[in-house]
Amino acid sequence: TAAAAALERMRKAVSETDLTQKFGVAVSLSAGLTPRQDADENLDDTLARADRALYEAKAAGRNRIEIARSGRDRAELRPSREPPGQSSGASTPRPLFRAAS
């Protein structure tokens, strides 16, 4: 989706920004994304689903985008894993998604 592509561009830009020399910190971006569903009774339902996706992204290693479709379901396409040792500062480009197993 366009939203996922925009988040991936932001994630990549943040991961390529080296703040370690100037500030002594490495920064990464994790995000949870979900569309608004007809079954959502209110905005809190949508935000709760996006929040779960965010925590799934963090639990899976951070510096990731996680997409949830509805309820507790995850998208058919899931974020690929960051190669070991690539979670701080500069990282090598990686595909945003891989086919779910």
PDB file of N, CA and C in Angstrom:
ATOM      1  N   THR A   1       0.834  -1.187   0.000  1.00  0.00           N
ATOM      2  CA  THR A   1       0.000   0.000   0.000  1.00  0.00           C
ATOM      3  C   THR A   1       0.876   1.247   0.000  1.00  0.00           C
ATOM      4  N   ALA A   2       0.283   2.360  -0.304  1.00  0.00           N
ATOM      5  CA  ALA A   2       1.021   3.619  -0.297  1.00  0.00           C
ATOM      6  C   ALA A   2       1.494   3.965   1.112  1.00  0.00           C
ATOM      7  N   ALA A   3       0.666   3.682   2.106  1.00  0.00           N
ATOM      8  CA  ALA A   3       1.057   3.967   3.494  1.00  0.00           C
ATOM      9  C   ALA A   3       2.249   3.118   3.907  1.00  0.00           C
ATOM     10  N   ALA A   4       2.245   1.844   3.546  1.00  0.00           N
ATOM     11  CA  ALA A   4       3.363   0.961   3.888  1.00  0.00           C
ATOM     12  C   ALA A   4       4.634   1.419   3.178  1.00  0.00           C
ATOM     13  N   ALA A   5       4.515   1.827   1.936  1.00  0.00           N
ATOM     14  CA  ALA A   5       5.684   2.307   1.192  1.00  0.00           C
ATOM     15  C   ALA A   5       6.247   3.577   1.826  1.00  0.00           C
ATOM     16  N   ALA A   6       5.375   4.483   2.250  1.00  0.00           N
ATOM     17  CA  ALA A   6       5.825   5.712   2.905  1.00  0.00           C
ATOM     18  C   ALA A   6       6.523   5.399   4.228  1.00  0.00           C
ATOM     19  N   LEU A   7       5.950   4.482   5.005  1.00  0.00           N
ATOM     20  CA  LEU A   7       6.587   4.087   6.264  1.00  0.00           C
ATOM     21  C   LEU A   7       7.940   3.438   6.015  1.00  0.00           C
ATOM     22  N   GLU A   8       8.044   2.633   4.981  1.00  0.00           N
ATOM     23  CA  GLU A   8       9.330   1.995   4.669  1.00  0.00           C
ATOM     24  C   GLU A   8      10.372   3.029   4.281  1.00  0.00           C
ATOM     25  N   ARG A   9       9.984   4.050   3.517  1.00  0.00           N
ATOM     26  CA  ARG A   9      10.940   5.112   3.176  1.00  0.00           C
ATOM     27  C   ARG A   9      11.412   5.827   4.444  1.00  0.00           C
ATOM     28  N   MET A  10      10.477   6.076   5.365  1.00  0.00           N
ATOM     29  CA  MET A  10      10.844   6.723   6.628  1.00  0.00           C
ATOM     30  C   MET A  10      11.753   5.817   7.456  1.00  0.00           C
ATOM     31  N   ARG A  11      11.417   4.519   7.538  1.00  0.00           N
ATOM     32  CA  ARG A  11      12.222   3.568   8.306  1.00  0.00           C
ATOM     33  C   ARG A  11      13.649   3.530   7.771  1.00  0.00           C
ATOM     34  N   LYS A  12      13.759   3.475   6.454  1.00  0.00           N
ATOM     35  CA  LYS A  12      15.075   3.413   5.824  1.00  0.00           C
ATOM     36  C   LYS A  12      15.864   4.700   6.083  1.00  0.00           C
ATOM     37  N   ALA A  13      15.223   5.852   5.944  1.00  0.00           N
ATOM     38  CA  ALA A  13      15.900   7.133   6.175  1.00  0.00           C
ATOM     39  C   ALA A  13      16.397   7.234   7.616  1.00  0.00           C
ATOM     40  N   VAL A  14      15.589   6.813   8.556  1.00  0.00           N
ATOM     41  CA  VAL A  14      15.993   6.856   9.964  1.00  0.00           C
ATOM     42  C   VAL A  14      17.165   5.910  10.200  1.00  0.00           C
ATOM     43  N   SER A  15      17.089   4.698   9.659  1.00  0.00           N
ATOM     44  CA  SER A  15      18.166   3.723   9.895  1.00  0.00           C
ATOM     45  C   SER A  15      19.476   4.137   9.231  1.00  0.00           C
ATOM     46  N   GLU A  16      19.404   4.958   8.194  1.00  0.00           N
ATOM     47  CA  GLU A  16      20.608   5.417   7.507  1.00  0.00           C
ATOM     48  C   GLU A  16      21.174   6.705   8.109  1.00  0.00           C
ATOM     49  N   THR A  17      20.489   7.269   9.089  1.00  0.00           N
ATOM     50  CA  THR A  17      20.951   8.477   9.754  1.00  0.00           C
ATOM     51  C   THR A  17      21.859   8.090  10.912  1.00  0.00           C
ATOM     52  N   ASP A  18      23.120   8.463  10.831  1.00  0.00           N
ATOM     53  CA  ASP A  18      24.090   8.095  11.860  1.00  0.00           C
ATOM     54  C   ASP A  18      24.176   9.195  12.912  1.00  0.00           C
ATOM     55  N   LEU A  19      23.612   8.912  14.077  1.00  0.00           N
ATOM     56  CA  LEU A  19      23.657   9.866  15.174  1.00  0.00           C
ATOM     57  C   LEU A  19      24.640   9.434  16.257  1.00  0.00           C
ATOM     58  N   THR A  20      25.354   8.335  16.020  1.00  0.00           N
ATOM     59  CA  THR A  20      26.225   7.796  17.068  1.00  0.00           C
ATOM     60  C   THR A  20      27.409   8.712  17.373  1.00  0.00           C
ATOM     61  N   GLN A  21      28.028   9.317  16.356  1.00  0.00           N
ATOM     62  CA  GLN A  21      29.186  10.176  16.614  1.00  0.00           C
ATOM     63  C   GLN A  21      28.783  11.475  17.309  1.00  0.00           C
ATOM     64  N   LYS A  22      27.693  12.077  16.871  1.00  0.00           N
ATOM     65  CA  LYS A  22      27.298  13.376  17.422  1.00  0.00           C
ATOM     66  C   LYS A  22      26.575  13.253  18.756  1.00  0.00           C
ATOM     67  N   PHE A  23      25.662  12.245  18.875  1.00  0.00           N
ATOM     68  CA  PHE A  23      24.839  12.139  20.079  1.00  0.00           C
ATOM     69  C   PHE A  23      25.054  10.854  20.868  1.00  0.00           C
ATOM     70  N   GLY A  24      25.789   9.904  20.303  1.00  0.00           N
ATOM     71  CA  GLY A  24      26.055   8.652  20.996  1.00  0.00           C
ATOM     72  C   GLY A  24      24.879   7.693  21.049  1.00  0.00           C
ATOM     73  N   VAL A  25      23.934   7.837  20.134  1.00  0.00           N
ATOM     74  CA  VAL A  25      22.779   6.939  20.107  1.00  0.00           C
ATOM     75  C   VAL A  25      22.528   6.430  18.691  1.00  0.00           C
ATOM     76  N   ALA A  26      22.000   5.226  18.616  1.00  0.00           N
ATOM     77  CA  ALA A  26      21.536   4.675  17.345  1.00  0.00           C
ATOM     78  C   ALA A  26      20.012   4.742  17.358  1.00  0.00           C
ATOM     79  N   VAL A  27      19.427   5.104  16.251  1.00  0.00           N
ATOM     80  CA  VAL A  27      17.980   5.274  16.181  1.00  0.00           C
ATOM     81  C   VAL A  27      17.421   4.360  15.100  1.00  0.00           C
ATOM     82  N   SER A  28      16.264   3.759  15.380  1.00  0.00           N
ATOM     83  CA  SER A  28      15.557   2.962  14.378  1.00  0.00           C
ATOM     84  C   SER A  28      14.073   3.287  14.479  1.00  0.00           C
ATOM     85  N   LEU A  29      13.320   2.840  13.496  1.00  0.00           N
ATOM     86  CA  LEU A  29      11.885   3.099  13.463  1.00  0.00           C
ATOM     87  C   LEU A  29      11.136   1.782  13.313  1.00  0.00           C
ATOM     88  N   SER A  30      10.191   1.569  14.202  1.00  0.00           N
ATOM     89  CA  SER A  30       9.259   0.450  14.084  1.00  0.00           C
ATOM     90  C   SER A  30       7.866   1.047  13.999  1.00  0.00           C
ATOM     91  N   ALA A  31       6.989   0.410  13.228  1.00  0.00           N
ATOM     92  CA  ALA A  31       5.635   0.942  13.074  1.00  0.00           C
ATOM     93  C   ALA A  31       4.637  -0.181  12.907  1.00  0.00           C
ATOM     94  N   GLY A  32       3.425   0.078  13.368  1.00  0.00           N
ATOM     95  CA  GLY A  32       2.299  -0.813  13.143  1.00  0.00           C
ATOM     96  C   GLY A  32       1.296  -0.099  12.256  1.00  0.00           C
ATOM     97  N   LEU A  33       0.785  -0.796  11.275  1.00  0.00           N
ATOM     98  CA  LEU A  33      -0.119  -0.202  10.297  1.00  0.00           C
ATOM     99  C   LEU A  33      -1.323  -1.102  10.113  1.00  0.00           C
ATOM    100  N   THR A  34      -2.499  -0.501  10.023  1.00  0.00           N
ATOM    101  CA  THR A  34      -3.710  -1.265   9.756  1.00  0.00           C
ATOM    102  C   THR A  34      -4.730  -0.366   9.067  1.00  0.00           C
ATOM    103  N   PRO A  35      -5.540  -0.922   8.189  1.00  0.00           N
ATOM    104  CA  PRO A  35      -6.617  -0.120   7.598  1.00  0.00           C
ATOM    105  C   PRO A  35      -7.804  -0.049   8.552  1.00  0.00           C
ATOM    106  N   ARG A  36      -8.605   0.948   8.385  1.00  0.00           N
ATOM    107  CA  ARG A  36      -9.862   1.047   9.122  1.00  0.00           C
ATOM    108  C   ARG A  36     -10.807  -0.008   8.553  1.00  0.00           C
ATOM    109  N   GLN A  37     -11.463  -0.788   9.414  1.00  0.00           N
ATOM    110  CA  GLN A  37     -12.367  -1.864   8.995  1.00  0.00           C
ATOM    111  C   GLN A  37     -13.827  -1.473   9.251  1.00  0.00           C
ATOM    112  N   ASP A  38     -14.728  -1.983   8.424  1.00  0.00           N
ATOM    113  CA  ASP A  38     -16.156  -1.736   8.641  1.00  0.00           C
ATOM    114  C   ASP A  38     -16.603  -2.258  10.000  1.00  0.00           C
ATOM    115  N   ALA A  39     -15.960  -3.336  10.471  1.00  0.00           N
ATOM    116  CA  ALA A  39     -16.332  -3.944  11.752  1.00  0.00           C
ATOM    117  C   ALA A  39     -15.845  -3.132  12.951  1.00  0.00           C
ATOM    118  N   ASP A  40     -14.970  -2.171  12.733  1.00  0.00           N
ATOM    119  CA  ASP A  40     -14.491  -1.342  13.841  1.00  0.00           C
ATOM    120  C   ASP A  40     -15.647  -0.496  14.363  1.00  0.00           C
ATOM    121  N   GLU A  41     -15.912  -0.629  15.646  1.00  0.00           N
ATOM    122  CA  GLU A  41     -17.007   0.147  16.230  1.00  0.00           C
ATOM    123  C   GLU A  41     -16.620   1.603  16.413  1.00  0.00           C
ATOM    124  N   ASN A  42     -15.335   1.850  16.621  1.00  0.00           N
ATOM    125  CA  ASN A  42     -14.859   3.219  16.801  1.00  0.00           C
ATOM    126  C   ASN A  42     -13.357   3.272  16.478  1.00  0.00           C
ATOM    127  N   LEU A  43     -12.798   4.456  16.570  1.00  0.00           N
ATOM    128  CA  LEU A  43     -11.386   4.632  16.254  1.00  0.00           C
ATOM    129  C   LEU A  43     -10.496   3.849  17.211  1.00  0.00           C
ATOM    130  N   ASP A  44     -10.942   3.649  18.443  1.00  0.00           N
ATOM    131  CA  ASP A  44     -10.150   2.887  19.408  1.00  0.00           C
ATOM    132  C   ASP A  44      -9.881   1.466  18.920  1.00  0.00           C
ATOM    133  N   ASP A  45     -10.831   0.844  18.219  1.00  0.00           N
ATOM    134  CA  ASP A  45     -10.620  -0.502  17.674  1.00  0.00           C
ATOM    135  C   ASP A  45      -9.479  -0.504  16.659  1.00  0.00           C
ATOM    136  N   THR A  46      -9.471   0.490  15.788  1.00  0.00           N
ATOM    137  CA  THR A  46      -8.433   0.597  14.768  1.00  0.00           C
ATOM    138  C   THR A  46      -7.078   0.856  15.409  1.00  0.00           C
ATOM    139  N   LEU A  47      -7.039   1.793  16.360  1.00  0.00           N
ATOM    140  CA  LEU A  47      -5.787   2.119  17.027  1.00  0.00           C
ATOM    141  C   LEU A  47      -5.249   0.946  17.841  1.00  0.00           C
ATOM    142  N   ALA A  48      -6.124   0.169  18.455  1.00  0.00           N
ATOM    143  CA  ALA A  48      -5.686  -1.005  19.223  1.00  0.00           C
ATOM    144  C   ALA A  48      -5.027  -2.032  18.300  1.00  0.00           C
ATOM    145  N   ARG A  49      -5.580  -2.224  17.114  1.00  0.00           N
ATOM    146  CA  ARG A  49      -5.015  -3.168  16.148  1.00  0.00           C
ATOM    147  C   ARG A  49      -3.644  -2.668  15.656  1.00  0.00           C
ATOM    148  N   ALA A  50      -3.540  -1.379  15.377  1.00  0.00           N
ATOM    149  CA  ALA A  50      -2.261  -0.806  14.953  1.00  0.00           C
ATOM    150  C   ALA A  50      -1.234  -0.903  16.083  1.00  0.00           C
ATOM    151  N   ASP A  51      -1.675  -0.706  17.306  1.00  0.00           N
ATOM    152  CA  ASP A  51      -0.793  -0.808  18.458  1.00  0.00           C
ATOM    153  C   ASP A  51      -0.263  -2.230  18.616  1.00  0.00           C
ATOM    154  N   ARG A  52      -1.130  -3.236  18.423  1.00  0.00           N
ATOM    155  CA  ARG A  52      -0.679  -4.638  18.479  1.00  0.00           C
ATOM    156  C   ARG A  52       0.367  -4.907  17.397  1.00  0.00           C
ATOM    157  N   ALA A  53       0.125  -4.361  16.201  1.00  0.00           N
ATOM    158  CA  ALA A  53       1.084  -4.551  15.105  1.00  0.00           C
ATOM    159  C   ALA A  53       2.424  -3.898  15.447  1.00  0.00           C
ATOM    160  N   LEU A  54       2.388  -2.738  16.083  1.00  0.00           N
ATOM    161  CA  LEU A  54       3.621  -2.067  16.499  1.00  0.00           C
ATOM    162  C   LEU A  54       4.402  -2.940  17.477  1.00  0.00           C
ATOM    163  N   TYR A  55       3.717  -3.491  18.472  1.00  0.00           N
ATOM    164  CA  TYR A  55       4.407  -4.330  19.454  1.00  0.00           C
ATOM    165  C   TYR A  55       4.919  -5.622  18.825  1.00  0.00           C
ATOM    166  N   GLU A  56       4.221  -6.140  17.825  1.00  0.00           N
ATOM    167  CA  GLU A  56       4.722  -7.307  17.093  1.00  0.00           C
ATOM    168  C   GLU A  56       6.014  -6.946  16.349  1.00  0.00           C
ATOM    169  N   ALA A  57       6.062  -5.752  15.769  1.00  0.00           N
ATOM    170  CA  ALA A  57       7.269  -5.307  15.073  1.00  0.00           C
ATOM    171  C   ALA A  57       8.437  -5.199  16.049  1.00  0.00           C
ATOM    172  N   LYS A  58       8.188  -4.638  17.212  1.00  0.00           N
ATOM    173  CA  LYS A  58       9.245  -4.505  18.216  1.00  0.00           C
ATOM    174  C   LYS A  58       9.692  -5.878  18.716  1.00  0.00           C
ATOM    175  N   ALA A  59       8.745  -6.761  18.971  1.00  0.00           N
ATOM    176  CA  ALA A  59       9.075  -8.096  19.475  1.00  0.00           C
ATOM    177  C   ALA A  59       9.857  -8.910  18.448  1.00  0.00           C
ATOM    178  N   ALA A  60       9.661  -8.621  17.182  1.00  0.00           N
ATOM    179  CA  ALA A  60      10.332  -9.366  16.113  1.00  0.00           C
ATOM    180  C   ALA A  60      11.718  -8.809  15.814  1.00  0.00           C
ATOM    181  N   GLY A  61      12.174  -7.840  16.568  1.00  0.00           N
ATOM    182  CA  GLY A  61      13.534  -7.364  16.384  1.00  0.00           C
ATOM    183  C   GLY A  61      13.675  -5.881  16.109  1.00  0.00           C
ATOM    184  N   ARG A  62      12.607  -5.134  16.125  1.00  0.00           N
ATOM    185  CA  ARG A  62      12.626  -3.686  15.882  1.00  0.00           C
ATOM    186  C   ARG A  62      13.097  -3.336  14.480  1.00  0.00           C
ATOM    187  N   ASN A  63      13.047  -2.038  14.167  1.00  0.00           N
ATOM    188  CA  ASN A  63      13.429  -1.523  12.847  1.00  0.00           C
ATOM    189  C   ASN A  63      12.647  -2.227  11.744  1.00  0.00           C
ATOM    190  N   ARG A  64      11.334  -2.336  11.958  1.00  0.00           N
ATOM    191  CA  ARG A  64      10.454  -3.078  11.052  1.00  0.00           C
ATOM    192  C   ARG A  64       9.106  -2.371  10.924  1.00  0.00           C
ATOM    193  N   ILE A  65       8.386  -2.750   9.880  1.00  0.00           N
ATOM    194  CA  ILE A  65       7.006  -2.329   9.674  1.00  0.00           C
ATOM    195  C   ILE A  65       6.152  -3.592   9.747  1.00  0.00           C
ATOM    196  N   GLU A  66       5.128  -3.577  10.570  1.00  0.00           N
ATOM    197  CA  GLU A  66       4.228  -4.728  10.701  1.00  0.00           C
ATOM    198  C   GLU A  66       2.819  -4.268  10.322  1.00  0.00           C
ATOM    199  N   ILE A  67       2.152  -5.041   9.482  1.00  0.00           N
ATOM    200  CA  ILE A  67       0.807  -4.686   9.022  1.00  0.00           C
ATOM    201  C   ILE A  67      -0.203  -5.695   9.531  1.00  0.00           C
ATOM    202  N   ALA A  68      -1.284  -5.185  10.136  1.00  0.00           N
ATOM    203  CA  ALA A  68      -2.393  -6.021  10.589  1.00  0.00           C
ATOM    204  C   ALA A  68      -3.607  -5.680   9.738  1.00  0.00           C
ATOM    205  N   ARG A  69      -4.380  -6.683   9.382  1.00  0.00           N
ATOM    206  CA  ARG A  69      -5.579  -6.439   8.573  1.00  0.00           C
ATOM    207  C   ARG A  69      -6.808  -6.244   9.425  1.00  0.00           C
ATOM    208  N   SER A  70      -7.152  -7.233  10.238  1.00  0.00           N
ATOM    209  CA  SER A  70      -8.354  -7.126  11.069  1.00  0.00           C
ATOM    210  C   SER A  70      -8.172  -7.989  12.298  1.00  0.00           C
ATOM    211  N   GLY A  71      -8.837  -7.616  13.349  1.00  0.00           N
ATOM    212  CA  GLY A  71      -8.744  -8.379  14.584  1.00  0.00           C
ATOM    213  C   GLY A  71      -7.296  -8.626  14.944  1.00  0.00           C
ATOM    214  N   ARG A  72      -6.954  -9.866  15.189  1.00  0.00           N
ATOM    215  CA  ARG A  72      -5.574 -10.219  15.507  1.00  0.00           C
ATOM    216  C   ARG A  72      -4.856 -10.763  14.282  1.00  0.00           C
ATOM    217  N   ASP A  73      -5.540 -10.800  13.129  1.00  0.00           N
ATOM    218  CA  ASP A  73      -4.922 -11.306  11.905  1.00  0.00           C
ATOM    219  C   ASP A  73      -3.808 -10.387  11.457  1.00  0.00           C
ATOM    220  N   ARG A  74      -2.784 -10.986  10.891  1.00  0.00           N
ATOM    221  CA  ARG A  74      -1.700 -10.225  10.302  1.00  0.00           C
ATOM    222  C   ARG A  74      -1.871 -10.275   8.789  1.00  0.00           C
ATOM    223  N   ALA A  75      -1.233  -9.362   8.126  1.00  0.00           N
ATOM    224  CA  ALA A  75      -1.336  -9.299   6.670  1.00  0.00           C
ATOM    225  C   ALA A  75      -0.764 -10.559   6.034  1.00  0.00           C
ATOM    226  N   GLU A  76      -1.187 -10.832   4.815  1.00  0.00           N
ATOM    227  CA  GLU A  76      -0.648 -11.975   4.081  1.00  0.00           C
ATOM    228  C   GLU A  76       0.839 -11.787   3.804  1.00  0.00           C
ATOM    229  N   LEU A  77       1.274 -10.555   3.699  1.00  0.00           N
ATOM    230  CA  LEU A  77       2.689 -10.254   3.529  1.00  0.00           C
ATOM    231  C   LEU A  77       3.194  -9.696   4.847  1.00  0.00           C
ATOM    232  N   ARG A  78       4.326 -10.251   5.303  1.00  0.00           N
ATOM    233  CA  ARG A  78       4.866  -9.838   6.588  1.00  0.00           C
ATOM    234  C   ARG A  78       6.271  -9.286   6.403  1.00  0.00           C
ATOM    235  N   PRO A  79       6.689  -8.395   7.304  1.00  0.00           N
ATOM    236  CA  PRO A  79       8.034  -7.829   7.160  1.00  0.00           C
ATOM    237  C   PRO A  79       9.109  -8.897   7.180  1.00  0.00           C
ATOM    238  N   SER A  80      10.125  -8.700   6.367  1.00  0.00           N
ATOM    239  CA  SER A  80      11.265  -9.605   6.384  1.00  0.00           C
ATOM    240  C   SER A  80      12.124  -9.270   7.597  1.00  0.00           C
ATOM    241  N   ARG A  81      12.962 -10.203   7.982  1.00  0.00           N
ATOM    242  CA  ARG A  81      13.810  -9.969   9.144  1.00  0.00           C
ATOM    243  C   ARG A  81      15.049  -9.197   8.750  1.00  0.00           C
ATOM    244  N   GLU A  82      15.449  -8.300   9.617  1.00  0.00           N
ATOM    245  CA  GLU A  82      16.684  -7.543   9.444  1.00  0.00           C
ATOM    246  C   GLU A  82      17.848  -8.501   9.659  1.00  0.00           C
ATOM    247  N   PRO A  83      18.865  -8.480   8.811  1.00  0.00           N
ATOM    248  CA  PRO A  83      20.013  -9.354   9.027  1.00  0.00           C
ATOM    249  C   PRO A  83      20.651  -9.072  10.381  1.00  0.00           C
ATOM    250  N   PRO A  84      21.194 -10.089  11.055  1.00  0.00           N
ATOM    251  CA  PRO A  84      21.831  -9.874  12.357  1.00  0.00           C
ATOM    252  C   PRO A  84      22.906  -8.796  12.261  1.00  0.00           C
ATOM    253  N   GLY A  85      22.978  -7.962  13.293  1.00  0.00           N
ATOM    254  CA  GLY A  85      23.980  -6.910  13.328  1.00  0.00           C
ATOM    255  C   GLY A  85      23.647  -5.695  12.484  1.00  0.00           C
ATOM    256  N   GLN A  86      22.468  -5.655  11.887  1.00  0.00           N
ATOM    257  CA  GLN A  86      22.096  -4.535  11.025  1.00  0.00           C
ATOM    258  C   GLN A  86      21.037  -3.644  11.652  1.00  0.00           C
ATOM    259  N   SER A  87      20.804  -3.754  12.947  1.00  0.00           N
ATOM    260  CA  SER A  87      19.706  -3.020  13.555  1.00  0.00           C
ATOM    261  C   SER A  87      20.077  -1.619  14.000  1.00  0.00           C
ATOM    262  N   SER A  88      21.346  -1.231  13.932  1.00  0.00           N
ATOM    263  CA  SER A  88      21.708   0.107  14.376  1.00  0.00           C
ATOM    264  C   SER A  88      22.328   0.903  13.247  1.00  0.00           C
ATOM    265  N   GLY A  89      22.161   2.239  13.351  1.00  0.00           N
ATOM    266  CA  GLY A  89      22.801   3.128  12.392  1.00  0.00           C
ATOM    267  C   GLY A  89      22.530   2.753  10.961  1.00  0.00           C
ATOM    268  N   ALA A  90      23.587   2.665  10.157  1.00  0.00           N
ATOM    269  CA  ALA A  90      23.435   2.343   8.745  1.00  0.00           C
ATOM    270  C   ALA A  90      23.111   0.866   8.581  1.00  0.00           C
ATOM    271  N   SER A  91      22.210   0.588   7.698  1.00  0.00           N
ATOM    272  CA  SER A  91      21.875  -0.804   7.410  1.00  0.00           C
ATOM    273  C   SER A  91      21.834  -0.997   5.910  1.00  0.00           C
ATOM    274  N   THR A  92      22.000  -2.233   5.503  1.00  0.00           N
ATOM    275  CA  THR A  92      21.931  -2.527   4.090  1.00  0.00           C
ATOM    276  C   THR A  92      20.476  -2.526   3.665  1.00  0.00           C
ATOM    277  N   PRO A  93      20.171  -2.096   2.457  1.00  0.00           N
ATOM    278  CA  PRO A  93      18.780  -2.117   2.004  1.00  0.00           C
ATOM    279  C   PRO A  93      18.233  -3.540   2.040  1.00  0.00           C
ATOM    280  N   ARG A  94      16.979  -3.678   2.370  1.00  0.00           N
ATOM    281  CA  ARG A  94      16.333  -4.985   2.418  1.00  0.00           C
ATOM    282  C   ARG A  94      14.931  -4.840   1.891  1.00  0.00           C
ATOM    283  N   PRO A  95      14.350  -5.913   1.416  1.00  0.00           N
ATOM    284  CA  PRO A  95      12.968  -5.820   0.957  1.00  0.00           C
ATOM    285  C   PRO A  95      12.044  -5.567   2.137  1.00  0.00           C
ATOM    286  N   LEU A  96      11.005  -4.798   1.920  1.00  0.00           N
ATOM    287  CA  LEU A  96      10.057  -4.484   2.984  1.00  0.00           C
ATOM    288  C   LEU A  96       9.284  -5.742   3.396  1.00  0.00           C
ATOM    289  N   PHE A  97       8.884  -6.557   2.429  1.00  0.00           N
ATOM    290  CA  PHE A  97       8.037  -7.694   2.748  1.00  0.00           C
ATOM    291  C   PHE A  97       8.553  -8.973   2.132  1.00  0.00           C
ATOM    292  N   ARG A  98       8.166 -10.080   2.706  1.00  0.00           N
ATOM    293  CA  ARG A  98       8.379 -11.400   2.131  1.00  0.00           C
ATOM    294  C   ARG A  98       7.067 -12.157   2.259  1.00  0.00           C
ATOM    295  N   ALA A  99       6.886 -13.173   1.476  1.00  0.00           N
ATOM    296  CA  ALA A  99       5.648 -13.948   1.543  1.00  0.00           C
ATOM    297  C   ALA A  99       5.544 -14.622   2.897  1.00  0.00           C
ATOM    298  N   ALA A 100       4.364 -14.591   3.485  1.00  0.00           N
ATOM    299  CA  ALA A 100       4.147 -15.225   4.789  1.00  0.00           C
ATOM    300  C   ALA A 100       4.226 -16.736   4.644  1.00  0.00           C
ATOM    301  N   SER A 101       4.735 -17.361   5.697  1.00  0.00           N
ATOM    302  CA  SER A 101       4.856 -18.827   5.666  1.00  0.00           C
ATOM    303  C   SER A 101       3.767 -19.476   6.479  1.00  0.00           C
TER     304      SER A 101
END
